Amino acid sequence: MRTEFSHEIRIDVPVDEALPLFTPKGEEQWVPGWRPDYLAPPSGETCEEMVFRTGHGDGVTLWTCLKWRPDERHARYLRVTPGAHVGFVDVTCRPDGRSATAVRVSYSYVALSPAGQAHIDAMSPASFAATIGEWAELIDGARKRPDR
């Protein structure tokens, strides 16, 4: 069974600068504790078929970029948490006025085990929206930091 969640946020970033914020390297700027281990390419450059991992121990997640289309303002990732679940992540950006961007983030999960299903079942559209909603605040805060 596939479980899907989607939510749209608005960020005060021009559309041409928005999608890179949702790459593994870009998220290092604003996601607390986000430090991917880049496997291919080791530079962490976003490209189709890049591979990286996050987490540790039983919480390791392997990621790959399935689609990287900056000209279309779209990225699609596959994430696998072995023994738990598989997830597809889509990020699509569109202009929202002259200097802002609407970002739609969609996750589609498939459980690989009862524990993975329990993890998915613990999510709700409201909790997903709250999590993604925090992203706009984190991005805004990171862009205002003096060390930026």
Protein backbone atom coordinates (compact mmCIF):
# COMPACT_ATOMS: atom_id res chain seq x y z
CA MET A 1 0.00 0.00 0.00
CA ARG A 2 1.29 3.44 -0.94
CA THR A 3 0.77 6.42 1.38
CA GLU A 4 1.14 9.91 -0.03
CA PHE A 5 1.52 13.33 1.53
CA SER A 6 1.90 16.70 -0.15
CA HIS A 7 2.16 20.28 1.08
CA GLU A 8 3.03 23.62 -0.47
CA ILE A 9 5.05 26.36 1.20
CA ARG A 10 6.03 29.86 0.16
CA ILE A 11 9.61 31.00 0.53
CA ASP A 12 10.98 34.51 0.03
CA VAL A 13 13.53 33.37 -2.51
CA PRO A 14 13.45 34.06 -6.27
CA VAL A 15 12.32 30.98 -8.17
CA ASP A 16 15.68 30.55 -9.93
CA GLU A 17 17.42 30.26 -6.53
CA ALA A 18 14.83 28.04 -4.85
CA LEU A 19 15.36 24.50 -6.18
CA PRO A 20 19.04 24.33 -5.14
CA LEU A 21 17.90 24.80 -1.53
CA PHE A 22 16.19 21.39 -1.80
CA THR A 23 19.28 19.47 -2.88
CA PRO A 24 21.39 17.54 -0.38
CA LYS A 25 24.09 20.26 -0.43
CA GLY A 26 21.50 23.02 -0.30
CA GLU A 27 19.77 21.51 2.71
CA GLU A 28 23.06 21.58 4.62
CA GLN A 29 22.52 25.36 4.79
CA TRP A 30 19.20 25.21 6.64
CA VAL A 31 18.36 21.72 7.99
CA PRO A 32 19.73 21.33 11.54
CA GLY A 33 22.02 18.30 11.73
CA TRP A 34 21.71 17.45 8.02
CA ARG A 35 25.10 16.08 7.03
CA PRO A 36 24.80 13.56 4.20
CA ASP A 37 27.56 11.11 3.42
CA TYR A 38 28.09 11.58 -0.32
CA LEU A 39 28.93 8.32 -2.06
CA ALA A 40 28.69 9.26 -5.74
CA PRO A 41 29.76 11.77 -6.69
CA PRO A 42 31.82 12.38 -3.55
CA SER A 43 31.49 16.15 -4.09
CA GLY A 44 27.76 15.95 -3.39
CA GLU A 45 26.95 17.69 -6.66
CA THR A 46 23.29 17.12 -7.43
CA CYS A 47 22.82 15.04 -10.56
CA GLU A 48 20.67 12.15 -11.64
CA GLU A 49 21.82 8.87 -10.08
CA MET A 50 23.81 10.60 -7.33
CA VAL A 51 23.91 8.44 -4.19
CA PHE A 52 24.18 9.56 -0.59
CA ARG A 53 23.19 8.34 2.84
CA THR A 54 21.88 9.91 6.01
CA GLY A 55 21.43 8.68 9.56
CA HIS A 56 23.32 5.98 11.39
CA GLY A 57 22.74 2.54 12.93
CA ASP A 58 19.26 1.19 12.24
CA GLY A 59 18.24 4.63 10.98
CA VAL A 60 20.42 4.71 7.85
CA THR A 61 18.62 5.95 4.77
CA LEU A 62 20.06 5.58 1.26
CA TRP A 63 19.09 8.22 -1.29
CA THR A 64 19.43 8.69 -5.03
CA CYS A 65 18.29 11.47 -7.31
CA LEU A 66 15.94 10.05 -9.94
CA LYS A 67 15.24 13.35 -11.74
CA TRP A 68 17.19 16.56 -11.63
CA ARG A 69 15.52 19.10 -13.91
CA PRO A 70 16.49 22.60 -12.78
CA ASP A 71 15.16 24.04 -16.05
CA GLU A 72 11.75 22.60 -15.09
CA ARG A 73 12.27 23.50 -11.40
CA HIS A 74 11.74 19.88 -10.39
CA ALA A 75 13.70 17.23 -8.50
CA ARG A 76 12.71 13.66 -7.61
CA TYR A 77 14.54 11.50 -5.09
CA LEU A 78 14.24 7.89 -3.98
CA ARG A 79 15.01 7.14 -0.34
CA VAL A 80 15.26 3.64 1.13
CA THR A 81 15.46 2.90 4.83
CA PRO A 82 16.34 -0.83 4.72
CA GLY A 83 13.87 -3.03 6.53
CA ALA A 84 11.49 -0.12 7.06
CA HIS A 85 10.21 1.80 4.04
CA VAL A 86 10.83 3.24 0.60
CA GLY A 87 9.95 6.83 -0.18
CA PHE A 88 9.73 8.94 -3.31
CA VAL A 89 10.25 12.66 -2.77
CA ASP A 90 9.19 15.27 -5.32
CA VAL A 91 10.04 18.96 -5.07
CA THR A 92 8.53 21.37 -7.57
CA CYS A 93 9.03 25.14 -7.55
CA ARG A 94 7.01 27.84 -9.29
CA PRO A 95 7.11 31.63 -9.14
CA ASP A 96 4.91 33.27 -6.52
CA GLY A 97 5.13 36.95 -7.31
CA ARG A 98 8.33 38.67 -8.35
CA SER A 99 10.67 37.54 -5.59
CA ALA A 100 9.09 34.52 -3.95
CA THR A 101 8.57 30.86 -4.76
CA ALA A 102 5.84 28.34 -4.08
CA VAL A 103 7.40 24.97 -3.33
CA ARG A 104 5.34 21.78 -3.44
CA VAL A 105 6.91 18.91 -1.50
CA SER A 106 5.39 15.45 -1.95
CA TYR A 107 6.37 12.19 -0.28
CA SER A 108 5.06 8.78 -1.30
CA TYR A 109 5.87 5.89 1.06
CA VAL A 110 5.72 2.11 0.76
CA ALA A 111 6.38 0.01 3.85
CA LEU A 112 8.92 -2.81 3.75
CA SER A 113 7.98 -4.24 7.15
CA PRO A 114 5.41 -3.95 9.93
CA ALA A 115 7.74 -1.52 11.73
CA GLY A 116 7.97 0.57 8.57
CA GLN A 117 4.19 0.55 8.25
CA ALA A 118 3.86 1.68 11.87
CA HIS A 119 6.23 4.58 11.12
CA ILE A 120 4.13 5.59 8.11
CA ASP A 121 0.86 5.15 10.02
CA ALA A 122 2.14 7.55 12.68
CA MET A 123 2.19 10.31 10.05
CA SER A 124 -0.85 12.34 9.10
CA PRO A 125 -1.54 15.02 6.52
CA ALA A 126 -1.54 17.58 9.35
CA SER A 127 1.79 16.44 10.81
CA PHE A 128 3.35 16.33 7.34
CA ALA A 129 2.09 19.85 6.60
CA ALA A 130 3.48 21.07 9.93
CA THR A 131 6.89 19.55 9.21
CA ILE A 132 7.09 21.00 5.71
CA GLY A 133 5.73 24.31 6.99
CA GLU A 134 8.72 24.53 9.34
CA TRP A 135 11.00 24.33 6.33
CA ALA A 136 9.98 27.84 5.21
CA GLU A 137 10.90 29.20 8.65
CA LEU A 138 14.23 27.35 8.66
CA ILE A 139 15.10 28.63 5.18
CA ASP A 140 14.16 32.18 6.15
CA GLY A 141 16.26 31.97 9.32
CA ALA A 142 19.26 30.54 7.48
CA ARG A 143 19.12 33.24 4.80
CA LYS A 144 19.11 35.95 7.48
CA ARG A 145 22.15 34.60 9.35
CA PRO A 146 25.13 36.95 9.20
CA ASP A 147 27.51 34.06 8.35
CA ARG A 148 25.62 33.38 5.13
